[in-house]
Amino acid sequence: MNPSHPKLSRRFRLQYEEAQTRWVLLYPEGMVQLNDSAAEILKRCDGGRSVADIVSELETTFSIQGIGPQVESLLEEGGRRGWID
C-alpha cells in the first residue's frame, strides 16, 4: 500500500448494488458490503489523492471535522485486507 496516496486494488471493484441498497467491493471470491462511511472513503482511493486530500474532501463534503483518525484506520484495515494497494 502506498500510504500517502492510497489506491483501490485492481482485484476489487467498488460498485453500488441496488439489491443490497449499499456500496460493495466485488472480488472473484465474493463481495464485501460497506457502510456509507467506508464507501465514501474508498471512492476517493484513486492513487491521485493523498490521505490528507481525502480527509479534507470528506470534511468539506459532509461538514464534519476531525475524521482523520477514522479515515486512516479504515485505510490501514483496507491495506491488511488487500483492498488498498
N, C-alpha and C. Protein backbone atom coordinates (compact mmCIF):
# COMPACT_ATOMS: atom_id res chain seq x y z
N MET A 1 0.86 -1.20 0.00
CA MET A 1 0.00 0.00 0.00
C MET A 1 0.89 1.24 0.00
N ASN A 2 0.57 2.18 -0.85
CA ASN A 2 1.25 3.48 -0.81
C ASN A 2 0.53 4.30 0.25
N PRO A 3 1.14 4.49 1.40
CA PRO A 3 0.43 5.15 2.49
C PRO A 3 0.06 6.60 2.20
N SER A 4 0.79 7.23 1.29
CA SER A 4 0.49 8.64 1.05
C SER A 4 -0.62 8.86 0.03
N HIS A 5 -0.75 7.95 -0.94
CA HIS A 5 -1.76 8.09 -2.00
C HIS A 5 -2.44 6.74 -2.23
N PRO A 6 -3.37 6.36 -1.35
CA PRO A 6 -3.98 5.04 -1.44
C PRO A 6 -4.77 4.84 -2.74
N LYS A 7 -4.73 3.59 -3.21
CA LYS A 7 -5.44 3.25 -4.44
C LYS A 7 -6.13 1.90 -4.23
N LEU A 8 -7.37 1.81 -4.67
CA LEU A 8 -8.12 0.56 -4.58
C LEU A 8 -7.41 -0.49 -5.43
N SER A 9 -7.25 -1.67 -4.87
CA SER A 9 -6.60 -2.76 -5.58
C SER A 9 -7.37 -3.11 -6.86
N ARG A 10 -6.64 -3.50 -7.89
CA ARG A 10 -7.28 -3.90 -9.15
C ARG A 10 -8.11 -5.16 -8.98
N ARG A 11 -7.85 -5.92 -7.92
CA ARG A 11 -8.61 -7.16 -7.70
C ARG A 11 -10.04 -6.88 -7.21
N PHE A 12 -10.29 -5.64 -6.83
CA PHE A 12 -11.60 -5.29 -6.28
C PHE A 12 -12.28 -4.26 -7.16
N ARG A 13 -13.61 -4.34 -7.21
CA ARG A 13 -14.39 -3.33 -7.91
C ARG A 13 -15.42 -2.77 -6.94
N LEU A 14 -15.43 -1.46 -6.81
CA LEU A 14 -16.37 -0.77 -5.94
C LEU A 14 -17.59 -0.41 -6.77
N GLN A 15 -18.76 -0.87 -6.33
CA GLN A 15 -19.97 -0.50 -7.06
C GLN A 15 -21.16 -0.49 -6.12
N TYR A 16 -22.19 0.28 -6.54
CA TYR A 16 -23.42 0.34 -5.78
C TYR A 16 -24.32 -0.81 -6.20
N GLU A 17 -24.79 -1.58 -5.25
CA GLU A 17 -25.67 -2.71 -5.52
C GLU A 17 -27.10 -2.34 -5.14
N GLU A 18 -27.94 -2.19 -6.14
CA GLU A 18 -29.35 -1.85 -5.89
C GLU A 18 -30.01 -2.87 -4.97
N ALA A 19 -29.75 -4.15 -5.23
CA ALA A 19 -30.38 -5.21 -4.43
C ALA A 19 -30.00 -5.12 -2.96
N GLN A 20 -28.79 -4.65 -2.70
CA GLN A 20 -28.31 -4.52 -1.32
C GLN A 20 -28.61 -3.12 -0.76
N THR A 21 -28.95 -2.21 -1.65
CA THR A 21 -29.09 -0.77 -1.34
C THR A 21 -27.86 -0.24 -0.58
N ARG A 22 -26.70 -0.68 -1.06
CA ARG A 22 -25.45 -0.21 -0.45
C ARG A 22 -24.29 -0.44 -1.40
N TRP A 23 -23.18 0.22 -1.08
CA TRP A 23 -21.94 0.04 -1.83
C TRP A 23 -21.30 -1.26 -1.40
N VAL A 24 -20.66 -1.93 -2.36
CA VAL A 24 -19.97 -3.18 -2.09
C VAL A 24 -18.63 -3.18 -2.81
N LEU A 25 -17.73 -4.01 -2.31
CA LEU A 25 -16.48 -4.31 -3.00
C LEU A 25 -16.65 -5.71 -3.57
N LEU A 26 -16.56 -5.83 -4.88
CA LEU A 26 -16.67 -7.13 -5.53
C LEU A 26 -15.28 -7.66 -5.83
N TYR A 27 -15.10 -8.96 -5.66
CA TYR A 27 -13.84 -9.61 -6.00
C TYR A 27 -14.18 -11.03 -6.43
N PRO A 28 -13.26 -11.73 -7.08
CA PRO A 28 -13.60 -13.03 -7.65
C PRO A 28 -14.22 -14.02 -6.67
N GLU A 29 -13.81 -13.98 -5.42
CA GLU A 29 -14.32 -14.95 -4.45
C GLU A 29 -15.60 -14.49 -3.74
N GLY A 30 -16.04 -13.27 -3.97
CA GLY A 30 -17.23 -12.83 -3.26
C GLY A 30 -17.43 -11.33 -3.25
N MET A 31 -17.98 -10.85 -2.13
CA MET A 31 -18.39 -9.46 -2.03
C MET A 31 -18.26 -9.01 -0.58
N VAL A 32 -17.87 -7.76 -0.39
CA VAL A 32 -17.81 -7.14 0.93
C VAL A 32 -18.82 -6.00 0.93
N GLN A 33 -19.80 -6.06 1.84
CA GLN A 33 -20.75 -4.95 1.97
C GLN A 33 -20.09 -3.86 2.81
N LEU A 34 -20.26 -2.62 2.36
CA LEU A 34 -19.64 -1.48 3.02
C LEU A 34 -20.68 -0.59 3.67
N ASN A 35 -20.31 0.03 4.78
CA ASN A 35 -21.19 1.07 5.31
C ASN A 35 -20.93 2.34 4.51
N ASP A 36 -21.78 3.32 4.68
CA ASP A 36 -21.69 4.54 3.87
C ASP A 36 -20.35 5.25 4.04
N SER A 37 -19.84 5.30 5.26
CA SER A 37 -18.57 5.98 5.51
C SER A 37 -17.42 5.30 4.78
N ALA A 38 -17.36 3.99 4.87
CA ALA A 38 -16.29 3.25 4.20
C ALA A 38 -16.37 3.46 2.69
N ALA A 39 -17.56 3.43 2.14
CA ALA A 39 -17.74 3.62 0.70
C ALA A 39 -17.25 5.00 0.27
N GLU A 40 -17.57 6.03 1.04
CA GLU A 40 -17.14 7.38 0.69
C GLU A 40 -15.62 7.50 0.71
N ILE A 41 -14.98 6.84 1.65
CA ILE A 41 -13.52 6.86 1.71
C ILE A 41 -12.93 6.11 0.52
N LEU A 42 -13.42 4.89 0.28
CA LEU A 42 -12.85 4.06 -0.78
C LEU A 42 -13.10 4.64 -2.16
N LYS A 43 -14.20 5.36 -2.34
CA LYS A 43 -14.47 6.00 -3.64
C LYS A 43 -13.35 6.97 -4.01
N ARG A 44 -12.69 7.50 -3.01
CA ARG A 44 -11.66 8.51 -3.23
C ARG A 44 -10.25 7.92 -3.31
N CYS A 45 -10.13 6.61 -3.19
CA CYS A 45 -8.82 5.95 -3.24
C CYS A 45 -8.47 5.64 -4.69
N ASP A 46 -7.99 6.67 -5.39
CA ASP A 46 -7.71 6.55 -6.82
C ASP A 46 -6.22 6.65 -7.12
N GLY A 47 -5.40 6.72 -6.09
CA GLY A 47 -3.96 6.85 -6.29
C GLY A 47 -3.51 8.27 -6.56
N GLY A 48 -4.45 9.16 -6.83
CA GLY A 48 -4.11 10.55 -7.11
C GLY A 48 -4.27 11.46 -5.90
N ARG A 49 -5.12 11.05 -4.98
CA ARG A 49 -5.37 11.86 -3.78
C ARG A 49 -4.52 11.35 -2.63
N SER A 50 -3.99 12.27 -1.86
CA SER A 50 -3.28 11.89 -0.65
C SER A 50 -4.31 11.61 0.44
N VAL A 51 -3.85 10.98 1.51
CA VAL A 51 -4.75 10.75 2.65
C VAL A 51 -5.28 12.08 3.16
N ALA A 52 -4.41 13.10 3.23
CA ALA A 52 -4.85 14.42 3.69
C ALA A 52 -5.91 15.00 2.75
N ASP A 53 -5.74 14.79 1.44
CA ASP A 53 -6.75 15.26 0.48
C ASP A 53 -8.10 14.58 0.72
N ILE A 54 -8.05 13.27 0.95
CA ILE A 54 -9.28 12.50 1.18
C ILE A 54 -9.98 13.02 2.43
N VAL A 55 -9.22 13.19 3.50
CA VAL A 55 -9.80 13.69 4.75
C VAL A 55 -10.41 15.07 4.54
N SER A 56 -9.67 15.96 3.90
CA SER A 56 -10.15 17.32 3.66
C SER A 56 -11.42 17.33 2.82
N GLU A 57 -11.43 16.52 1.77
CA GLU A 57 -12.61 16.46 0.89
C GLU A 57 -13.83 15.94 1.64
N LEU A 58 -13.65 14.91 2.45
CA LEU A 58 -14.77 14.36 3.22
C LEU A 58 -15.26 15.36 4.27
N GLU A 59 -14.32 16.03 4.95
CA GLU A 59 -14.71 17.01 5.96
C GLU A 59 -15.51 18.15 5.33
N THR A 60 -15.09 18.58 4.14
CA THR A 60 -15.80 19.65 3.44
C THR A 60 -17.17 19.17 2.95
N THR A 61 -17.19 18.02 2.29
CA THR A 61 -18.42 17.48 1.72
C THR A 61 -19.49 17.24 2.78
N PHE A 62 -19.08 16.70 3.93
CA PHE A 62 -20.05 16.31 4.95
C PHE A 62 -20.08 17.26 6.14
N SER A 63 -19.43 18.42 6.02
CA SER A 63 -19.42 19.44 7.09
C SER A 63 -19.11 18.82 8.45
N ILE A 64 -18.00 18.13 8.51
CA ILE A 64 -17.56 17.46 9.73
C ILE A 64 -16.06 17.70 9.88
N GLN A 65 -15.58 17.68 11.09
CA GLN A 65 -14.16 17.89 11.35
C GLN A 65 -13.60 16.74 12.18
N GLY A 66 -12.29 16.55 12.09
CA GLY A 66 -11.61 15.60 12.96
C GLY A 66 -11.77 14.14 12.59
N ILE A 67 -12.00 13.84 11.30
CA ILE A 67 -12.22 12.45 10.92
C ILE A 67 -10.94 11.75 10.43
N GLY A 68 -9.82 12.45 10.47
CA GLY A 68 -8.55 11.87 10.02
C GLY A 68 -8.25 10.51 10.62
N PRO A 69 -8.35 10.35 11.95
CA PRO A 69 -8.04 9.04 12.54
C PRO A 69 -8.94 7.91 12.02
N GLN A 70 -10.23 8.20 11.78
CA GLN A 70 -11.14 7.18 11.27
C GLN A 70 -10.78 6.81 9.83
N VAL A 71 -10.44 7.81 9.03
CA VAL A 71 -10.04 7.55 7.64
C VAL A 71 -8.78 6.71 7.62
N GLU A 72 -7.80 7.09 8.42
CA GLU A 72 -6.54 6.34 8.47
C GLU A 72 -6.76 4.92 8.94
N SER A 73 -7.64 4.74 9.92
CA SER A 73 -7.94 3.40 10.42
C SER A 73 -8.56 2.52 9.34
N LEU A 74 -9.50 3.07 8.58
CA LEU A 74 -10.13 2.29 7.51
C LEU A 74 -9.09 1.95 6.44
N LEU A 75 -8.23 2.89 6.09
CA LEU A 75 -7.21 2.64 5.08
C LEU A 75 -6.21 1.58 5.55
N GLU A 76 -5.86 1.60 6.83
CA GLU A 76 -4.97 0.57 7.37
C GLU A 76 -5.64 -0.80 7.30
N GLU A 77 -6.91 -0.86 7.68
CA GLU A 77 -7.65 -2.13 7.61
C GLU A 77 -7.78 -2.59 6.17
N GLY A 78 -8.07 -1.66 5.26
CA GLY A 78 -8.15 -1.98 3.84
C GLY A 78 -6.83 -2.51 3.31
N GLY A 79 -5.73 -1.97 3.78
CA GLY A 79 -4.42 -2.46 3.39
C GLY A 79 -4.19 -3.89 3.87
N ARG A 80 -4.58 -4.16 5.12
CA ARG A 80 -4.44 -5.51 5.67
C ARG A 80 -5.29 -6.52 4.91
N ARG A 81 -6.46 -6.09 4.48
CA ARG A 81 -7.38 -6.99 3.77
C ARG A 81 -7.11 -7.06 2.27
N GLY A 82 -6.15 -6.29 1.79
CA GLY A 82 -5.81 -6.32 0.38
C GLY A 82 -6.68 -5.46 -0.51
N TRP A 83 -7.53 -4.61 0.08
CA TRP A 83 -8.40 -3.74 -0.71
C TRP A 83 -7.61 -2.59 -1.32
N ILE A 84 -6.57 -2.17 -0.61
CA ILE A 84 -5.80 -0.98 -0.98
C ILE A 84 -4.40 -1.39 -1.39
N ASP A 85 -3.97 -0.85 -2.53
CA ASP A 85 -2.58 -1.05 -2.96
C ASP A 85 -1.75 0.13 -2.52
